[in-house]
Amino acid sequence: MDELLCEIRNCRVCEKFLPLGPKPIIAASSKSRIVVVGQAPGRIVHETGVPWNDKSGDNLRAWMGVDRLTFYDPEKFALMPMGFCYPGRGKSGDLPPRPECAPLWHGRLLDKMEDVRLVLLVGWYAQRYYLRDTAKTTLTETIRHFDSYLPDYFPLPHPSPRNNIWQAKNRWFAENVLPELKIRVKAALI
């Protein structure tokens, strides 16, 4: 695993497309129990080099009911975005994750993890990649039917503060999905 992580951190495949240059952000261990498949690092994460080191990370940890110490223990959580580098900014937010990363690295990473108990698919890009044809037509419907993807995957919306409007419109998420998420995370960490 250490050799693979070193290889990923030195990756330059997408370099010409990255406005701030390559800086792959990944945290994983062969003993990781929960895999968080996110989108791509934002600017703050790119600058600090720490995955989920922003408001989205704060929200995600609150949703799961875990503290920073637990979340940043790679033997507990693998933090594996669809694109490992900050893709830059577009008209309405960050650009999508680079499409090269997941096919190049995800399978190899997952093969090295011996005790994965839960895979969280955070956001539409992760869900589309992993759920393929079984994903519903919208992110909302995929998350509403989260239990149909268990025990293999647990789909979630992106925890960005920009999604507060979505959460306000979909109160069932906090009432039905988050309690089950906390139960599943707690069980996976035991």
N, C-alpha and C. Protein backbone atom coordinates (compact mmCIF):
# COMPACT_ATOMS: atom_id res chain seq x y z
N MET A 1 0.83 -1.20 0.00
CA MET A 1 0.00 0.00 0.00
C MET A 1 0.87 1.26 0.00
N ASP A 2 1.94 1.26 0.78
CA ASP A 2 2.81 2.44 0.83
C ASP A 2 3.38 2.79 -0.54
N GLU A 3 3.78 1.76 -1.30
CA GLU A 3 4.32 2.00 -2.64
C GLU A 3 3.25 2.59 -3.56
N LEU A 4 2.03 2.07 -3.46
CA LEU A 4 0.93 2.56 -4.29
C LEU A 4 0.60 4.01 -3.93
N LEU A 5 0.53 4.32 -2.65
CA LEU A 5 0.25 5.70 -2.23
C LEU A 5 1.34 6.65 -2.71
N CYS A 6 2.58 6.21 -2.67
CA CYS A 6 3.69 7.03 -3.17
C CYS A 6 3.54 7.26 -4.68
N GLU A 7 3.17 6.21 -5.39
CA GLU A 7 2.96 6.32 -6.84
C GLU A 7 1.84 7.33 -7.15
N ILE A 8 0.75 7.25 -6.39
CA ILE A 8 -0.37 8.17 -6.60
C ILE A 8 0.06 9.60 -6.30
N ARG A 9 0.75 9.80 -5.20
CA ARG A 9 1.16 11.16 -4.81
C ARG A 9 2.14 11.79 -5.80
N ASN A 10 2.78 10.95 -6.61
CA ASN A 10 3.71 11.45 -7.63
C ASN A 10 3.10 11.47 -9.02
N CYS A 11 1.81 11.18 -9.13
CA CYS A 11 1.13 11.11 -10.43
C CYS A 11 1.12 12.49 -11.10
N ARG A 12 1.34 12.49 -12.41
CA ARG A 12 1.32 13.72 -13.20
C ARG A 12 0.46 13.55 -14.45
N VAL A 13 -0.39 12.54 -14.49
CA VAL A 13 -1.19 12.22 -15.68
C VAL A 13 -2.01 13.41 -16.16
N CYS A 14 -2.61 14.16 -15.26
CA CYS A 14 -3.52 15.27 -15.62
C CYS A 14 -2.86 16.64 -15.53
N GLU A 15 -1.58 16.69 -15.34
CA GLU A 15 -0.88 17.93 -15.03
C GLU A 15 -1.27 19.10 -15.94
N LYS A 16 -1.38 18.87 -17.23
CA LYS A 16 -1.65 19.98 -18.15
C LYS A 16 -3.06 20.55 -18.01
N PHE A 17 -3.94 19.85 -17.28
CA PHE A 17 -5.32 20.32 -17.09
C PHE A 17 -5.54 20.99 -15.73
N LEU A 18 -4.55 20.98 -14.87
CA LEU A 18 -4.72 21.44 -13.49
C LEU A 18 -4.16 22.84 -13.31
N PRO A 19 -5.01 23.83 -13.04
CA PRO A 19 -4.54 25.22 -12.95
C PRO A 19 -3.56 25.48 -11.82
N LEU A 20 -3.64 24.73 -10.73
CA LEU A 20 -2.70 24.91 -9.62
C LEU A 20 -1.64 23.82 -9.59
N GLY A 21 -1.61 23.01 -10.62
CA GLY A 21 -0.63 21.92 -10.70
C GLY A 21 -1.10 20.69 -9.95
N PRO A 22 -0.43 19.56 -10.17
CA PRO A 22 -0.82 18.32 -9.51
C PRO A 22 -0.42 18.32 -8.03
N LYS A 23 -1.33 17.86 -7.23
CA LYS A 23 -1.08 17.66 -5.81
C LYS A 23 -2.10 16.63 -5.33
N PRO A 24 -1.87 15.35 -5.69
CA PRO A 24 -2.84 14.32 -5.34
C PRO A 24 -3.07 14.22 -3.83
N ILE A 25 -4.34 14.24 -3.43
CA ILE A 25 -4.74 14.16 -2.02
C ILE A 25 -5.40 12.82 -1.81
N ILE A 26 -4.81 12.00 -0.95
CA ILE A 26 -5.32 10.66 -0.67
C ILE A 26 -4.90 10.27 0.75
N ALA A 27 -5.78 9.54 1.42
CA ALA A 27 -5.43 8.96 2.73
C ALA A 27 -6.02 7.56 2.75
N ALA A 28 -5.20 6.56 2.98
CA ALA A 28 -5.69 5.18 2.99
C ALA A 28 -4.67 4.28 3.67
N SER A 29 -5.16 3.12 4.07
CA SER A 29 -4.33 2.09 4.68
C SER A 29 -4.87 0.74 4.22
N SER A 30 -4.05 -0.27 4.27
CA SER A 30 -4.55 -1.61 3.95
C SER A 30 -5.57 -2.07 4.99
N LYS A 31 -5.62 -1.37 6.13
CA LYS A 31 -6.55 -1.74 7.20
C LYS A 31 -7.79 -0.84 7.25
N SER A 32 -7.94 0.09 6.30
CA SER A 32 -9.09 1.00 6.30
C SER A 32 -10.39 0.20 6.34
N ARG A 33 -11.32 0.65 7.17
CA ARG A 33 -12.62 -0.03 7.31
C ARG A 33 -13.73 0.65 6.55
N ILE A 34 -13.65 1.98 6.44
CA ILE A 34 -14.65 2.75 5.72
C ILE A 34 -13.94 3.52 4.62
N VAL A 35 -14.48 3.44 3.41
CA VAL A 35 -13.93 4.17 2.28
C VAL A 35 -14.90 5.31 1.95
N VAL A 36 -14.39 6.53 1.95
CA VAL A 36 -15.17 7.69 1.56
C VAL A 36 -14.73 8.09 0.16
N VAL A 37 -15.61 7.84 -0.80
CA VAL A 37 -15.33 8.22 -2.19
C VAL A 37 -16.01 9.56 -2.44
N GLY A 38 -15.21 10.62 -2.50
CA GLY A 38 -15.75 11.95 -2.71
C GLY A 38 -15.56 12.39 -4.14
N GLN A 39 -15.60 13.69 -4.38
CA GLN A 39 -15.48 14.23 -5.73
C GLN A 39 -14.03 14.53 -6.07
N ALA A 40 -13.54 15.67 -5.60
CA ALA A 40 -12.17 16.09 -5.83
C ALA A 40 -11.85 17.14 -4.78
N PRO A 41 -10.60 17.29 -4.44
CA PRO A 41 -10.25 18.31 -3.44
C PRO A 41 -10.65 19.71 -3.91
N GLY A 42 -11.10 20.52 -2.98
CA GLY A 42 -11.35 21.93 -3.26
C GLY A 42 -10.06 22.71 -3.07
N ARG A 43 -10.14 24.01 -3.27
CA ARG A 43 -8.96 24.86 -3.17
C ARG A 43 -8.33 24.81 -1.79
N ILE A 44 -9.14 24.85 -0.73
CA ILE A 44 -8.61 24.82 0.64
C ILE A 44 -7.88 23.50 0.90
N VAL A 45 -8.48 22.41 0.46
CA VAL A 45 -7.84 21.10 0.64
C VAL A 45 -6.54 21.05 -0.16
N HIS A 46 -6.56 21.59 -1.37
CA HIS A 46 -5.33 21.63 -2.18
C HIS A 46 -4.23 22.39 -1.44
N GLU A 47 -4.59 23.51 -0.84
CA GLU A 47 -3.59 24.33 -0.14
C GLU A 47 -3.06 23.65 1.12
N THR A 48 -3.94 22.99 1.88
CA THR A 48 -3.51 22.38 3.14
C THR A 48 -2.98 20.96 2.98
N GLY A 49 -3.39 20.28 1.91
CA GLY A 49 -2.99 18.89 1.70
C GLY A 49 -3.73 17.91 2.58
N VAL A 50 -4.78 18.37 3.27
CA VAL A 50 -5.54 17.52 4.18
C VAL A 50 -6.93 17.29 3.58
N PRO A 51 -7.30 16.03 3.30
CA PRO A 51 -8.61 15.77 2.70
C PRO A 51 -9.76 16.21 3.60
N TRP A 52 -10.81 16.70 2.99
CA TRP A 52 -12.04 17.10 3.71
C TRP A 52 -11.75 18.12 4.81
N ASN A 53 -10.74 18.97 4.61
CA ASN A 53 -10.35 19.96 5.60
C ASN A 53 -11.05 21.29 5.31
N ASP A 54 -12.38 21.24 5.32
CA ASP A 54 -13.19 22.42 5.02
C ASP A 54 -14.58 22.23 5.60
N LYS A 55 -15.49 23.14 5.29
CA LYS A 55 -16.86 23.05 5.82
C LYS A 55 -17.55 21.77 5.37
N SER A 56 -17.29 21.34 4.16
CA SER A 56 -17.87 20.08 3.69
C SER A 56 -17.42 18.92 4.57
N GLY A 57 -16.15 18.90 4.92
CA GLY A 57 -15.64 17.86 5.82
C GLY A 57 -16.27 17.92 7.20
N ASP A 58 -16.45 19.14 7.71
CA ASP A 58 -17.13 19.29 9.01
C ASP A 58 -18.53 18.70 8.94
N ASN A 59 -19.26 19.01 7.86
CA ASN A 59 -20.61 18.49 7.71
C ASN A 59 -20.62 16.97 7.58
N LEU A 60 -19.70 16.43 6.79
CA LEU A 60 -19.64 14.98 6.60
C LEU A 60 -19.37 14.28 7.92
N ARG A 61 -18.42 14.79 8.68
CA ARG A 61 -18.12 14.17 9.98
C ARG A 61 -19.32 14.24 10.92
N ALA A 62 -20.05 15.36 10.90
CA ALA A 62 -21.26 15.48 11.72
C ALA A 62 -22.32 14.47 11.27
N TRP A 63 -22.48 14.32 9.96
CA TRP A 63 -23.45 13.34 9.45
C TRP A 63 -23.11 11.94 9.96
N MET A 64 -21.82 11.60 10.00
CA MET A 64 -21.40 10.26 10.41
C MET A 64 -21.32 10.10 11.91
N GLY A 65 -21.23 11.22 12.64
CA GLY A 65 -21.08 11.15 14.09
C GLY A 65 -19.68 10.76 14.52
N VAL A 66 -18.66 11.24 13.77
CA VAL A 66 -17.28 10.95 14.13
C VAL A 66 -16.50 12.25 14.30
N ASP A 67 -15.48 12.19 15.12
CA ASP A 67 -14.63 13.37 15.33
C ASP A 67 -13.46 13.36 14.34
N ARG A 68 -12.72 14.45 14.32
CA ARG A 68 -11.59 14.59 13.39
C ARG A 68 -10.52 13.52 13.61
N LEU A 69 -10.24 13.21 14.88
CA LEU A 69 -9.20 12.22 15.18
C LEU A 69 -9.55 10.87 14.57
N THR A 70 -10.79 10.45 14.73
CA THR A 70 -11.24 9.17 14.16
C THR A 70 -11.22 9.24 12.64
N PHE A 71 -11.75 10.32 12.08
CA PHE A 71 -11.87 10.48 10.64
C PHE A 71 -10.51 10.46 9.94
N TYR A 72 -9.51 11.03 10.57
CA TYR A 72 -8.19 11.10 9.94
C TYR A 72 -7.27 9.95 10.31
N ASP A 73 -7.82 8.90 10.90
CA ASP A 73 -7.06 7.67 11.16
C ASP A 73 -7.23 6.78 9.92
N PRO A 74 -6.18 6.62 9.10
CA PRO A 74 -6.33 5.85 7.86
C PRO A 74 -6.65 4.37 8.09
N GLU A 75 -6.43 3.87 9.28
CA GLU A 75 -6.83 2.49 9.56
C GLU A 75 -8.34 2.40 9.76
N LYS A 76 -8.98 3.55 9.94
CA LYS A 76 -10.44 3.59 10.07
C LYS A 76 -11.09 4.10 8.78
N PHE A 77 -10.55 5.18 8.23
CA PHE A 77 -11.14 5.80 7.03
C PHE A 77 -10.12 5.93 5.91
N ALA A 78 -10.49 5.46 4.73
CA ALA A 78 -9.75 5.77 3.51
C ALA A 78 -10.50 6.92 2.85
N LEU A 79 -9.79 7.98 2.52
CA LEU A 79 -10.38 9.17 1.92
C LEU A 79 -9.89 9.24 0.48
N MET A 80 -10.75 8.81 -0.43
CA MET A 80 -10.37 8.51 -1.80
C MET A 80 -11.30 9.24 -2.77
N PRO A 81 -10.92 10.41 -3.25
CA PRO A 81 -11.79 11.13 -4.17
C PRO A 81 -11.80 10.52 -5.57
N MET A 82 -12.80 10.91 -6.35
CA MET A 82 -12.85 10.47 -7.75
C MET A 82 -11.69 11.06 -8.54
N GLY A 83 -11.33 12.28 -8.22
CA GLY A 83 -10.16 12.94 -8.80
C GLY A 83 -9.28 13.37 -7.65
N PHE A 84 -8.03 13.03 -7.67
CA PHE A 84 -7.15 13.27 -6.52
C PHE A 84 -6.62 14.71 -6.44
N CYS A 85 -6.72 15.46 -7.53
CA CYS A 85 -6.18 16.82 -7.56
C CYS A 85 -7.30 17.84 -7.72
N TYR A 86 -7.04 19.04 -7.24
CA TYR A 86 -7.99 20.15 -7.42
C TYR A 86 -8.12 20.44 -8.91
N PRO A 87 -9.36 20.34 -9.44
CA PRO A 87 -9.54 20.49 -10.89
C PRO A 87 -9.66 21.93 -11.37
N GLY A 88 -9.77 22.88 -10.45
CA GLY A 88 -9.94 24.28 -10.83
C GLY A 88 -11.39 24.71 -10.67
N ARG A 89 -11.61 25.96 -10.97
CA ARG A 89 -12.93 26.57 -10.75
C ARG A 89 -13.63 26.80 -12.09
N GLY A 90 -14.96 26.55 -12.08
CA GLY A 90 -15.78 26.82 -13.26
C GLY A 90 -16.75 27.95 -12.96
N LYS A 91 -17.75 28.12 -13.80
CA LYS A 91 -18.72 29.20 -13.65
C LYS A 91 -19.56 29.08 -12.38
N SER A 92 -19.90 27.85 -12.00
CA SER A 92 -20.80 27.68 -10.85
C SER A 92 -20.17 26.89 -9.71
N GLY A 93 -18.87 26.91 -9.62
CA GLY A 93 -18.18 26.17 -8.55
C GLY A 93 -16.98 25.45 -9.12
N ASP A 94 -16.47 24.50 -8.32
CA ASP A 94 -15.31 23.74 -8.78
C ASP A 94 -15.68 22.89 -10.00
N LEU A 95 -14.70 22.68 -10.85
CA LEU A 95 -14.90 21.83 -12.02
C LEU A 95 -15.07 20.37 -11.58
N PRO A 96 -15.61 19.53 -12.46
CA PRO A 96 -15.75 18.10 -12.12
C PRO A 96 -14.37 17.46 -11.89
N PRO A 97 -14.35 16.35 -11.17
CA PRO A 97 -13.08 15.63 -11.00
C PRO A 97 -12.55 15.17 -12.36
N ARG A 98 -11.24 15.13 -12.48
CA ARG A 98 -10.63 14.64 -13.71
C ARG A 98 -11.04 13.19 -13.92
N PRO A 99 -11.39 12.81 -15.14
CA PRO A 99 -11.89 11.45 -15.38
C PRO A 99 -10.81 10.37 -15.39
N GLU A 100 -9.55 10.76 -15.38
CA GLU A 100 -8.47 9.76 -15.45
C GLU A 100 -8.23 9.04 -14.13
N CYS A 101 -8.47 9.70 -13.01
CA CYS A 101 -8.05 9.18 -11.70
C CYS A 101 -8.72 7.87 -11.29
N ALA A 102 -10.03 7.87 -11.24
CA ALA A 102 -10.74 6.70 -10.71
C ALA A 102 -10.38 5.42 -11.47
N PRO A 103 -10.45 5.41 -12.81
CA PRO A 103 -10.09 4.17 -13.51
C PRO A 103 -8.63 3.76 -13.32
N LEU A 104 -7.78 4.75 -13.14
CA LEU A 104 -6.35 4.48 -12.99
C LEU A 104 -6.00 3.94 -11.61
N TRP A 105 -6.66 4.44 -10.56
CA TRP A 105 -6.20 4.16 -9.20
C TRP A 105 -7.19 3.43 -8.29
N HIS A 106 -8.49 3.63 -8.44
CA HIS A 106 -9.43 3.10 -7.45
C HIS A 106 -9.38 1.59 -7.28
N GLY A 107 -9.39 0.85 -8.37
CA GLY A 107 -9.34 -0.61 -8.28
C GLY A 107 -8.09 -1.09 -7.56
N ARG A 108 -6.97 -0.50 -7.88
CA ARG A 108 -5.70 -0.88 -7.24
C ARG A 108 -5.74 -0.58 -5.75
N LEU A 109 -6.31 0.58 -5.38
CA LEU A 109 -6.41 0.93 -3.96
C LEU A 109 -7.32 -0.04 -3.21
N LEU A 110 -8.50 -0.27 -3.78
CA LEU A 110 -9.46 -1.16 -3.11
C LEU A 110 -8.91 -2.58 -2.97
N ASP A 111 -8.14 -3.03 -3.95
CA ASP A 111 -7.52 -4.37 -3.87
C ASP A 111 -6.57 -4.49 -2.69
N LYS A 112 -5.98 -3.38 -2.28
CA LYS A 112 -5.02 -3.39 -1.16
C LYS A 112 -5.70 -3.28 0.21
N MET A 113 -6.97 -2.94 0.24
CA MET A 113 -7.68 -2.78 1.50
C MET A 113 -8.34 -4.10 1.87
N GLU A 114 -7.91 -4.68 2.99
CA GLU A 114 -8.30 -6.03 3.35
C GLU A 114 -9.57 -6.12 4.19
N ASP A 115 -10.02 -5.01 4.77
CA ASP A 115 -11.12 -5.08 5.73
C ASP A 115 -12.16 -3.98 5.54
N VAL A 116 -12.47 -3.65 4.29
CA VAL A 116 -13.46 -2.61 4.03
C VAL A 116 -14.85 -3.13 4.42
N ARG A 117 -15.53 -2.36 5.25
CA ARG A 117 -16.85 -2.74 5.73
C ARG A 117 -17.96 -1.83 5.22
N LEU A 118 -17.58 -0.65 4.72
CA LEU A 118 -18.57 0.32 4.26
C LEU A 118 -17.92 1.25 3.25
N VAL A 119 -18.62 1.50 2.14
CA VAL A 119 -18.14 2.44 1.12
C VAL A 119 -19.20 3.53 0.98
N LEU A 120 -18.80 4.77 1.29
CA LEU A 120 -19.68 5.91 1.16
C LEU A 120 -19.43 6.57 -0.19
N LEU A 121 -20.49 6.73 -0.97
CA LEU A 121 -20.39 7.38 -2.27
C LEU A 121 -20.95 8.78 -2.13
N VAL A 122 -20.05 9.75 -2.00
CA VAL A 122 -20.43 11.12 -1.69
C VAL A 122 -20.51 11.94 -2.98
N GLY A 123 -21.72 12.23 -3.39
CA GLY A 123 -21.94 13.04 -4.57
C GLY A 123 -22.20 12.21 -5.82
N TRP A 124 -22.71 12.91 -6.83
CA TRP A 124 -23.16 12.28 -8.06
C TRP A 124 -22.03 11.60 -8.84
N TYR A 125 -20.84 12.18 -8.86
CA TYR A 125 -19.75 11.58 -9.64
C TYR A 125 -19.37 10.20 -9.10
N ALA A 126 -19.27 10.08 -7.79
CA ALA A 126 -18.95 8.78 -7.17
C ALA A 126 -20.08 7.79 -7.40
N GLN A 127 -21.32 8.24 -7.28
CA GLN A 127 -22.46 7.35 -7.46
C GLN A 127 -22.56 6.86 -8.89
N ARG A 128 -22.37 7.76 -9.83
CA ARG A 128 -22.45 7.36 -11.24
C ARG A 128 -21.36 6.35 -11.59
N TYR A 129 -20.18 6.54 -11.04
CA TYR A 129 -19.05 5.65 -11.34
C TYR A 129 -19.26 4.26 -10.73
N TYR A 130 -19.65 4.22 -9.47
CA TYR A 130 -19.75 2.93 -8.77
C TYR A 130 -21.10 2.24 -8.95
N LEU A 131 -22.16 2.98 -9.03
CA LEU A 131 -23.49 2.35 -9.14
C LEU A 131 -23.87 2.09 -10.59
N ARG A 132 -23.23 2.76 -11.49
CA ARG A 132 -23.48 2.62 -12.93
C ARG A 132 -24.98 2.62 -13.25
N ASP A 133 -25.46 1.56 -13.87
CA ASP A 133 -26.87 1.49 -14.31
C ASP A 133 -27.86 1.34 -13.16
N THR A 134 -27.39 1.03 -11.97
CA THR A 134 -28.33 0.86 -10.86
C THR A 134 -28.66 2.18 -10.16
N ALA A 135 -27.91 3.25 -10.48
CA ALA A 135 -28.23 4.56 -9.92
C ALA A 135 -29.56 5.02 -10.49
N LYS A 136 -30.33 5.70 -9.69
CA LYS A 136 -31.60 6.25 -10.14
C LYS A 136 -31.33 7.44 -11.07
N THR A 137 -32.36 8.00 -11.66
CA THR A 137 -32.17 9.07 -12.63
C THR A 137 -31.69 10.37 -12.01
N THR A 138 -31.92 10.55 -10.70
CA THR A 138 -31.44 11.76 -10.02
C THR A 138 -30.69 11.37 -8.75
N LEU A 139 -29.84 12.26 -8.32
CA LEU A 139 -29.13 12.05 -7.05
C LEU A 139 -30.13 11.91 -5.91
N THR A 140 -31.16 12.73 -5.91
CA THR A 140 -32.16 12.69 -4.84
C THR A 140 -32.80 11.31 -4.76
N GLU A 141 -33.18 10.75 -5.89
CA GLU A 141 -33.82 9.43 -5.87
C GLU A 141 -32.83 8.33 -5.48
N THR A 142 -31.59 8.46 -5.90
CA THR A 142 -30.57 7.48 -5.49
C THR A 142 -30.42 7.49 -3.98
N ILE A 143 -30.35 8.68 -3.40
CA ILE A 143 -30.18 8.78 -1.94
C ILE A 143 -31.45 8.35 -1.22
N ARG A 144 -32.60 8.67 -1.77
CA ARG A 144 -33.87 8.25 -1.16
C ARG A 144 -33.94 6.72 -1.06
N HIS A 145 -33.35 6.05 -2.03
CA HIS A 145 -33.35 4.58 -2.05
C HIS A 145 -31.99 4.00 -1.61
N PHE A 146 -31.32 4.71 -0.71
CA PHE A 146 -29.98 4.31 -0.27
C PHE A 146 -29.91 2.86 0.19
N ASP A 147 -30.98 2.40 0.84
CA ASP A 147 -30.96 1.05 1.42
C ASP A 147 -30.91 -0.04 0.35
N SER A 148 -31.28 0.28 -0.89
CA SER A 148 -31.22 -0.73 -1.95
C SER A 148 -29.78 -0.98 -2.42
N TYR A 149 -28.84 -0.12 -2.01
CA TYR A 149 -27.43 -0.28 -2.39
C TYR A 149 -26.60 -0.92 -1.28
N LEU A 150 -27.20 -1.06 -0.11
CA LEU A 150 -26.50 -1.67 1.02
C LEU A 150 -26.47 -3.18 0.82
N PRO A 151 -25.49 -3.88 1.32
CA PRO A 151 -24.41 -3.41 2.19
C PRO A 151 -23.18 -2.90 1.43
N ASP A 152 -23.19 -2.96 0.10
CA ASP A 152 -22.00 -2.60 -0.66
C ASP A 152 -21.70 -1.10 -0.64
N TYR A 153 -22.73 -0.29 -0.86
CA TYR A 153 -22.52 1.15 -0.98
C TYR A 153 -23.58 1.93 -0.20
N PHE A 154 -23.17 3.11 0.28
CA PHE A 154 -24.10 4.02 0.95
C PHE A 154 -23.99 5.36 0.23
N PRO A 155 -24.94 5.69 -0.65
CA PRO A 155 -24.88 6.97 -1.38
C PRO A 155 -25.31 8.15 -0.52
N LEU A 156 -24.59 9.25 -0.68
CA LEU A 156 -24.87 10.49 0.06
C LEU A 156 -24.76 11.69 -0.87
N PRO A 157 -25.46 12.78 -0.54
CA PRO A 157 -25.23 14.01 -1.31
C PRO A 157 -23.88 14.60 -0.89
N HIS A 158 -23.41 15.55 -1.65
CA HIS A 158 -22.19 16.23 -1.23
C HIS A 158 -22.53 17.07 0.00
N PRO A 159 -21.69 17.06 1.02
CA PRO A 159 -22.00 17.79 2.26
C PRO A 159 -21.64 19.28 2.23
N SER A 160 -21.47 19.83 1.06
CA SER A 160 -21.16 21.25 0.94
C SER A 160 -22.26 22.10 1.56
N PRO A 161 -21.90 23.19 2.21
CA PRO A 161 -22.93 24.12 2.70
C PRO A 161 -23.85 24.61 1.58
N ARG A 162 -23.39 24.55 0.34
CA ARG A 162 -24.23 24.93 -0.81
C ARG A 162 -25.43 24.00 -0.94
N ASN A 163 -25.38 22.83 -0.32
CA ASN A 163 -26.47 21.86 -0.41
C ASN A 163 -27.48 22.01 0.72
N ASN A 164 -27.36 23.06 1.52
CA ASN A 164 -28.34 23.27 2.60
C ASN A 164 -29.76 23.43 2.06
N ILE A 165 -29.90 24.03 0.89
CA ILE A 165 -31.22 24.19 0.28
C ILE A 165 -31.80 22.82 -0.06
N TRP A 166 -30.96 21.94 -0.64
CA TRP A 166 -31.40 20.58 -0.95
C TRP A 166 -31.88 19.87 0.32
N GLN A 167 -31.10 20.01 1.39
CA GLN A 167 -31.47 19.35 2.64
C GLN A 167 -32.78 19.91 3.20
N ALA A 168 -32.99 21.21 3.06
CA ALA A 168 -34.24 21.82 3.54
C ALA A 168 -35.44 21.30 2.75
N LYS A 169 -35.25 21.05 1.47
CA LYS A 169 -36.33 20.53 0.62
C LYS A 169 -36.56 19.04 0.83
N ASN A 170 -35.56 18.35 1.34
CA ASN A 170 -35.61 16.89 1.48
C ASN A 170 -35.37 16.51 2.94
N ARG A 171 -36.29 16.88 3.79
CA ARG A 171 -36.14 16.65 5.23
C ARG A 171 -36.03 15.17 5.58
N TRP A 172 -36.52 14.30 4.73
CA TRP A 172 -36.40 12.86 4.94
C TRP A 172 -34.93 12.43 5.05
N PHE A 173 -34.02 13.21 4.43
CA PHE A 173 -32.60 12.87 4.49
C PHE A 173 -32.11 12.87 5.94
N ALA A 174 -32.38 13.94 6.67
CA ALA A 174 -31.97 14.02 8.09
C ALA A 174 -32.75 13.05 8.95
N GLU A 175 -34.01 12.83 8.62
CA GLU A 175 -34.86 11.98 9.45
C GLU A 175 -34.61 10.49 9.23
N ASN A 176 -34.36 10.09 7.98
CA ASN A 176 -34.26 8.66 7.66
C ASN A 176 -32.85 8.18 7.31
N VAL A 177 -32.12 8.99 6.57
CA VAL A 177 -30.83 8.54 6.06
C VAL A 177 -29.72 8.72 7.09
N LEU A 178 -29.63 9.90 7.69
CA LEU A 178 -28.52 10.16 8.62
C LEU A 178 -28.51 9.24 9.84
N PRO A 179 -29.65 8.91 10.44
CA PRO A 179 -29.59 7.96 11.57
C PRO A 179 -29.03 6.59 11.14
N GLU A 180 -29.42 6.14 9.95
CA GLU A 180 -28.91 4.85 9.46
C GLU A 180 -27.42 4.96 9.13
N LEU A 181 -27.01 6.10 8.60
CA LEU A 181 -25.58 6.30 8.33
C LEU A 181 -24.77 6.19 9.61
N LYS A 182 -25.21 6.86 10.66
CA LYS A 182 -24.48 6.81 11.94
C LYS A 182 -24.40 5.39 12.48
N ILE A 183 -25.47 4.63 12.36
CA ILE A 183 -25.47 3.22 12.81
C ILE A 183 -24.46 2.41 12.02
N ARG A 184 -24.46 2.58 10.70
CA ARG A 184 -23.56 1.82 9.83
C ARG A 184 -22.09 2.19 10.06
N VAL A 185 -21.82 3.47 10.26
CA VAL A 185 -20.45 3.91 10.51
C VAL A 185 -19.97 3.35 11.84
N LYS A 186 -20.78 3.47 12.86
CA LYS A 186 -20.40 2.95 14.18
C LYS A 186 -20.10 1.45 14.12
N ALA A 187 -20.96 0.71 13.44
CA ALA A 187 -20.75 -0.75 13.32
C ALA A 187 -19.49 -1.07 12.55
N ALA A 188 -19.18 -0.30 11.51
CA ALA A 188 -17.98 -0.56 10.70
C ALA A 188 -16.70 -0.28 11.46
N LEU A 189 -16.77 0.60 12.46
CA LEU A 189 -15.57 0.97 13.20
C LEU A 189 -15.28 0.05 14.38
N ILE A 190 -16.22 -0.80 14.72
CA ILE A 190 -16.02 -1.72 15.87
C ILE A 190 -15.09 -2.85 15.50
